[in-house]
Amino acid sequence: MKPRPCPKDPLCILCGSCKDIERNHIGGRNHLFWVTGPLCRTHHRQFHTLLERAGVDLEYTTDPVERLIRASKAITILQCMVHDTMQEAYLTRR
């Protein structure tokens, strides 16, 4: 079995890289601060670009329902990124 390149470091949940890992607040630091996931710098930037394009506002709001809606939208964007990554890997192995 091949050893992991950086066994003690977290890996990007999308590409498996251990370089330039950033703890991403998946649901937004102002909404669900405890929900985090490691992303490399490239995928972290891509995530925030997609949030912006989708119009997902991660600014704080006092409305708890609106915070939950915003967090849910952000989580959905990341889920789409994960699904795209899985599909890409599947299609390249066929």
N, C-alpha and C. Protein backbone atom coordinates (compact mmCIF):
# COMPACT_ATOMS: atom_id res chain seq x y z
N MET A 1 0.83 -1.18 0.00
CA MET A 1 0.00 0.00 0.00
C MET A 1 0.88 1.24 0.00
N LYS A 2 0.55 2.19 -0.86
CA LYS A 2 1.33 3.41 -1.01
C LYS A 2 1.00 4.38 0.15
N PRO A 3 2.01 4.94 0.83
CA PRO A 3 1.72 5.87 1.92
C PRO A 3 1.19 7.19 1.38
N ARG A 4 0.32 7.82 2.18
CA ARG A 4 -0.19 9.14 1.81
C ARG A 4 0.96 10.12 1.82
N PRO A 5 0.95 11.11 0.93
CA PRO A 5 2.06 12.06 0.82
C PRO A 5 2.23 12.93 2.06
N CYS A 6 1.17 13.24 2.76
CA CYS A 6 1.25 14.06 3.97
C CYS A 6 0.25 13.49 4.97
N PRO A 7 0.61 12.43 5.65
CA PRO A 7 -0.32 11.66 6.46
C PRO A 7 -0.98 12.43 7.61
N LYS A 8 -0.34 13.46 8.12
CA LYS A 8 -0.91 14.16 9.28
C LYS A 8 -1.70 15.40 8.86
N ASP A 9 -1.59 15.79 7.60
CA ASP A 9 -2.27 16.98 7.13
C ASP A 9 -3.63 16.61 6.53
N PRO A 10 -4.61 17.52 6.65
CA PRO A 10 -5.88 17.25 5.98
C PRO A 10 -5.72 17.36 4.48
N LEU A 11 -6.57 16.66 3.76
CA LEU A 11 -6.54 16.68 2.30
C LEU A 11 -7.76 17.44 1.79
N CYS A 12 -7.62 18.07 0.65
CA CYS A 12 -8.75 18.73 0.00
C CYS A 12 -9.82 17.68 -0.28
N ILE A 13 -11.05 17.98 0.07
CA ILE A 13 -12.12 17.00 -0.12
C ILE A 13 -12.49 16.83 -1.60
N LEU A 14 -11.96 17.69 -2.46
CA LEU A 14 -12.26 17.57 -3.89
C LEU A 14 -11.15 16.93 -4.70
N CYS A 15 -9.90 17.32 -4.44
CA CYS A 15 -8.81 16.80 -5.28
C CYS A 15 -7.81 15.93 -4.52
N GLY A 16 -7.90 15.91 -3.20
CA GLY A 16 -6.98 15.09 -2.42
C GLY A 16 -5.63 15.73 -2.16
N SER A 17 -5.44 16.95 -2.59
CA SER A 17 -4.16 17.65 -2.37
C SER A 17 -3.98 17.97 -0.89
N CYS A 18 -2.73 18.02 -0.47
CA CYS A 18 -2.45 18.44 0.91
C CYS A 18 -1.70 19.78 0.92
N LYS A 19 -1.62 20.41 -0.25
CA LYS A 19 -0.93 21.70 -0.36
C LYS A 19 -1.92 22.85 -0.21
N ASP A 20 -1.54 23.86 0.55
CA ASP A 20 -2.33 25.08 0.71
C ASP A 20 -3.77 24.79 1.14
N ILE A 21 -3.92 23.94 2.14
CA ILE A 21 -5.24 23.57 2.63
C ILE A 21 -5.79 24.69 3.52
N GLU A 22 -7.05 25.03 3.27
CA GLU A 22 -7.74 26.04 4.06
C GLU A 22 -9.01 25.42 4.63
N ARG A 23 -9.26 25.71 5.90
CA ARG A 23 -10.50 25.23 6.53
C ARG A 23 -11.63 26.12 6.04
N ASN A 24 -12.51 25.56 5.27
CA ASN A 24 -13.61 26.32 4.71
C ASN A 24 -14.85 26.16 5.58
N HIS A 25 -15.50 27.27 5.89
CA HIS A 25 -16.78 27.24 6.60
C HIS A 25 -17.86 27.01 5.53
N ILE A 26 -18.22 25.76 5.36
CA ILE A 26 -19.07 25.35 4.25
C ILE A 26 -20.41 26.09 4.24
N GLY A 27 -21.00 26.27 5.39
CA GLY A 27 -22.28 26.96 5.46
C GLY A 27 -22.14 28.43 5.75
N GLY A 28 -20.94 28.93 5.71
CA GLY A 28 -20.70 30.34 6.01
C GLY A 28 -20.32 30.53 7.47
N ARG A 29 -19.26 31.25 7.70
CA ARG A 29 -18.76 31.50 9.06
C ARG A 29 -19.81 32.23 9.91
N ASN A 30 -20.67 33.02 9.27
CA ASN A 30 -21.70 33.78 9.99
C ASN A 30 -22.99 33.00 10.20
N HIS A 31 -23.08 31.79 9.66
CA HIS A 31 -24.33 31.03 9.74
C HIS A 31 -24.14 29.71 10.46
N LEU A 32 -23.23 28.90 10.00
CA LEU A 32 -22.94 27.59 10.61
C LEU A 32 -21.43 27.47 10.77
N PHE A 33 -20.89 28.22 11.69
CA PHE A 33 -19.43 28.31 11.83
C PHE A 33 -18.77 26.99 12.18
N TRP A 34 -19.49 26.06 12.76
CA TRP A 34 -18.89 24.80 13.19
C TRP A 34 -18.81 23.77 12.05
N VAL A 35 -19.46 24.04 10.91
CA VAL A 35 -19.43 23.12 9.78
C VAL A 35 -18.28 23.54 8.86
N THR A 36 -17.19 22.78 8.90
CA THR A 36 -16.03 23.13 8.09
C THR A 36 -15.56 21.91 7.29
N GLY A 37 -14.78 22.19 6.28
CA GLY A 37 -14.21 21.13 5.47
C GLY A 37 -12.94 21.64 4.83
N PRO A 38 -11.94 20.79 4.68
CA PRO A 38 -10.68 21.22 4.08
C PRO A 38 -10.79 21.32 2.56
N LEU A 39 -10.36 22.46 2.04
CA LEU A 39 -10.28 22.68 0.60
C LEU A 39 -8.91 23.27 0.29
N CYS A 40 -8.34 22.87 -0.82
CA CYS A 40 -7.10 23.51 -1.26
C CYS A 40 -7.46 24.95 -1.67
N ARG A 41 -6.46 25.78 -1.77
CA ARG A 41 -6.71 27.19 -2.08
C ARG A 41 -7.49 27.35 -3.40
N THR A 42 -7.15 26.55 -4.39
CA THR A 42 -7.82 26.63 -5.69
C THR A 42 -9.31 26.33 -5.57
N HIS A 43 -9.64 25.24 -4.88
CA HIS A 43 -11.05 24.87 -4.75
C HIS A 43 -11.80 25.81 -3.79
N HIS A 44 -11.11 26.35 -2.81
CA HIS A 44 -11.73 27.33 -1.92
C HIS A 44 -12.14 28.56 -2.73
N ARG A 45 -11.24 29.02 -3.58
CA ARG A 45 -11.55 30.17 -4.45
C ARG A 45 -12.70 29.84 -5.40
N GLN A 46 -12.67 28.64 -5.98
CA GLN A 46 -13.73 28.23 -6.89
C GLN A 46 -15.07 28.20 -6.16
N PHE A 47 -15.10 27.70 -4.95
CA PHE A 47 -16.32 27.63 -4.14
C PHE A 47 -16.90 29.03 -3.95
N HIS A 48 -16.06 29.98 -3.57
CA HIS A 48 -16.55 31.34 -3.34
C HIS A 48 -16.97 32.03 -4.64
N THR A 49 -16.32 31.70 -5.73
CA THR A 49 -16.73 32.24 -7.03
C THR A 49 -18.12 31.72 -7.39
N LEU A 50 -18.34 30.43 -7.17
CA LEU A 50 -19.65 29.84 -7.48
C LEU A 50 -20.74 30.42 -6.56
N LEU A 51 -20.39 30.65 -5.29
CA LEU A 51 -21.36 31.27 -4.37
C LEU A 51 -21.76 32.65 -4.88
N GLU A 52 -20.77 33.40 -5.31
CA GLU A 52 -21.02 34.75 -5.80
C GLU A 52 -21.89 34.70 -7.06
N ARG A 53 -21.55 33.82 -7.98
CA ARG A 53 -22.33 33.70 -9.23
C ARG A 53 -23.78 33.28 -8.96
N ALA A 54 -23.96 32.46 -7.93
CA ALA A 54 -25.31 31.99 -7.59
C ALA A 54 -26.07 33.00 -6.73
N GLY A 55 -25.39 34.06 -6.33
CA GLY A 55 -26.04 35.08 -5.52
C GLY A 55 -26.25 34.68 -4.07
N VAL A 56 -25.41 33.77 -3.58
CA VAL A 56 -25.52 33.34 -2.19
C VAL A 56 -24.80 34.34 -1.31
N ASP A 57 -25.54 34.98 -0.42
CA ASP A 57 -25.02 36.02 0.46
C ASP A 57 -24.62 35.39 1.79
N LEU A 58 -23.35 35.45 2.12
CA LEU A 58 -22.89 34.88 3.39
C LEU A 58 -22.71 35.93 4.48
N GLU A 59 -23.17 37.15 4.21
CA GLU A 59 -23.12 38.19 5.25
C GLU A 59 -24.09 37.83 6.37
N TYR A 60 -23.75 38.26 7.57
CA TYR A 60 -24.58 37.97 8.74
C TYR A 60 -25.94 38.66 8.64
N THR A 61 -26.96 37.97 9.06
CA THR A 61 -28.29 38.55 9.22
C THR A 61 -28.84 38.08 10.56
N THR A 62 -29.64 38.92 11.18
CA THR A 62 -30.20 38.56 12.49
C THR A 62 -31.35 37.56 12.36
N ASP A 63 -31.86 37.39 11.17
CA ASP A 63 -32.98 36.47 10.93
C ASP A 63 -32.45 35.03 10.88
N PRO A 64 -32.81 34.21 11.88
CA PRO A 64 -32.28 32.84 11.92
C PRO A 64 -32.73 31.96 10.75
N VAL A 65 -33.92 32.19 10.24
CA VAL A 65 -34.39 31.40 9.09
C VAL A 65 -33.59 31.78 7.85
N GLU A 66 -33.36 33.07 7.65
CA GLU A 66 -32.56 33.51 6.50
C GLU A 66 -31.13 32.97 6.60
N ARG A 67 -30.56 32.92 7.80
CA ARG A 67 -29.21 32.35 7.97
C ARG A 67 -29.19 30.90 7.55
N LEU A 68 -30.22 30.16 7.95
CA LEU A 68 -30.31 28.74 7.59
C LEU A 68 -30.46 28.56 6.08
N ILE A 69 -31.27 29.40 5.46
CA ILE A 69 -31.45 29.34 4.00
C ILE A 69 -30.12 29.61 3.30
N ARG A 70 -29.40 30.65 3.73
CA ARG A 70 -28.11 30.99 3.12
C ARG A 70 -27.10 29.86 3.30
N ALA A 71 -27.06 29.29 4.51
CA ALA A 71 -26.12 28.19 4.78
C ALA A 71 -26.47 26.98 3.92
N SER A 72 -27.76 26.69 3.80
CA SER A 72 -28.20 25.54 3.01
C SER A 72 -27.82 25.71 1.54
N LYS A 73 -27.97 26.91 1.02
CA LYS A 73 -27.58 27.18 -0.37
C LYS A 73 -26.08 26.98 -0.56
N ALA A 74 -25.28 27.46 0.39
CA ALA A 74 -23.82 27.30 0.29
C ALA A 74 -23.43 25.83 0.33
N ILE A 75 -24.06 25.08 1.21
CA ILE A 75 -23.78 23.65 1.32
C ILE A 75 -24.15 22.94 0.02
N THR A 76 -25.24 23.35 -0.58
CA THR A 76 -25.67 22.76 -1.85
C THR A 76 -24.66 23.01 -2.96
N ILE A 77 -24.08 24.22 -2.98
CA ILE A 77 -23.04 24.53 -3.98
C ILE A 77 -21.86 23.57 -3.81
N LEU A 78 -21.43 23.37 -2.56
CA LEU A 78 -20.29 22.46 -2.34
C LEU A 78 -20.67 21.03 -2.70
N GLN A 79 -21.89 20.64 -2.42
CA GLN A 79 -22.33 19.29 -2.81
C GLN A 79 -22.25 19.11 -4.32
N CYS A 80 -22.64 20.13 -5.06
CA CYS A 80 -22.55 20.06 -6.53
C CYS A 80 -21.09 19.91 -6.96
N MET A 81 -20.19 20.62 -6.29
CA MET A 81 -18.77 20.50 -6.61
C MET A 81 -18.29 19.08 -6.36
N VAL A 82 -18.72 18.48 -5.25
CA VAL A 82 -18.34 17.10 -4.93
C VAL A 82 -18.90 16.15 -5.98
N HIS A 83 -20.16 16.33 -6.35
CA HIS A 83 -20.78 15.46 -7.35
C HIS A 83 -20.08 15.57 -8.69
N ASP A 84 -19.72 16.79 -9.09
CA ASP A 84 -18.99 16.98 -10.35
C ASP A 84 -17.64 16.26 -10.31
N THR A 85 -16.96 16.35 -9.17
CA THR A 85 -15.66 15.68 -9.01
C THR A 85 -15.82 14.17 -9.10
N MET A 86 -16.86 13.65 -8.45
CA MET A 86 -17.11 12.21 -8.49
C MET A 86 -17.44 11.75 -9.91
N GLN A 87 -18.26 12.52 -10.62
CA GLN A 87 -18.63 12.15 -11.98
C GLN A 87 -17.42 12.19 -12.91
N GLU A 88 -16.59 13.20 -12.75
CA GLU A 88 -15.38 13.31 -13.55
C GLU A 88 -14.47 12.10 -13.34
N ALA A 89 -14.30 11.72 -12.07
CA ALA A 89 -13.45 10.56 -11.77
C ALA A 89 -14.05 9.28 -12.35
N TYR A 90 -15.35 9.15 -12.26
CA TYR A 90 -16.03 7.98 -12.79
C TYR A 90 -15.87 7.89 -14.32
N LEU A 91 -16.08 9.01 -14.97
CA LEU A 91 -16.01 9.02 -16.44
C LEU A 91 -14.60 8.77 -16.97
N THR A 92 -13.58 9.20 -16.22
CA THR A 92 -12.21 8.97 -16.67
C THR A 92 -11.78 7.52 -16.44
N ARG A 93 -12.47 6.79 -15.60
CA ARG A 93 -12.09 5.40 -15.31
C ARG A 93 -12.83 4.41 -16.21
N ARG A 94 -13.75 4.88 -17.00
CA ARG A 94 -14.56 3.99 -17.85
C ARG A 94 -13.78 3.48 -19.03
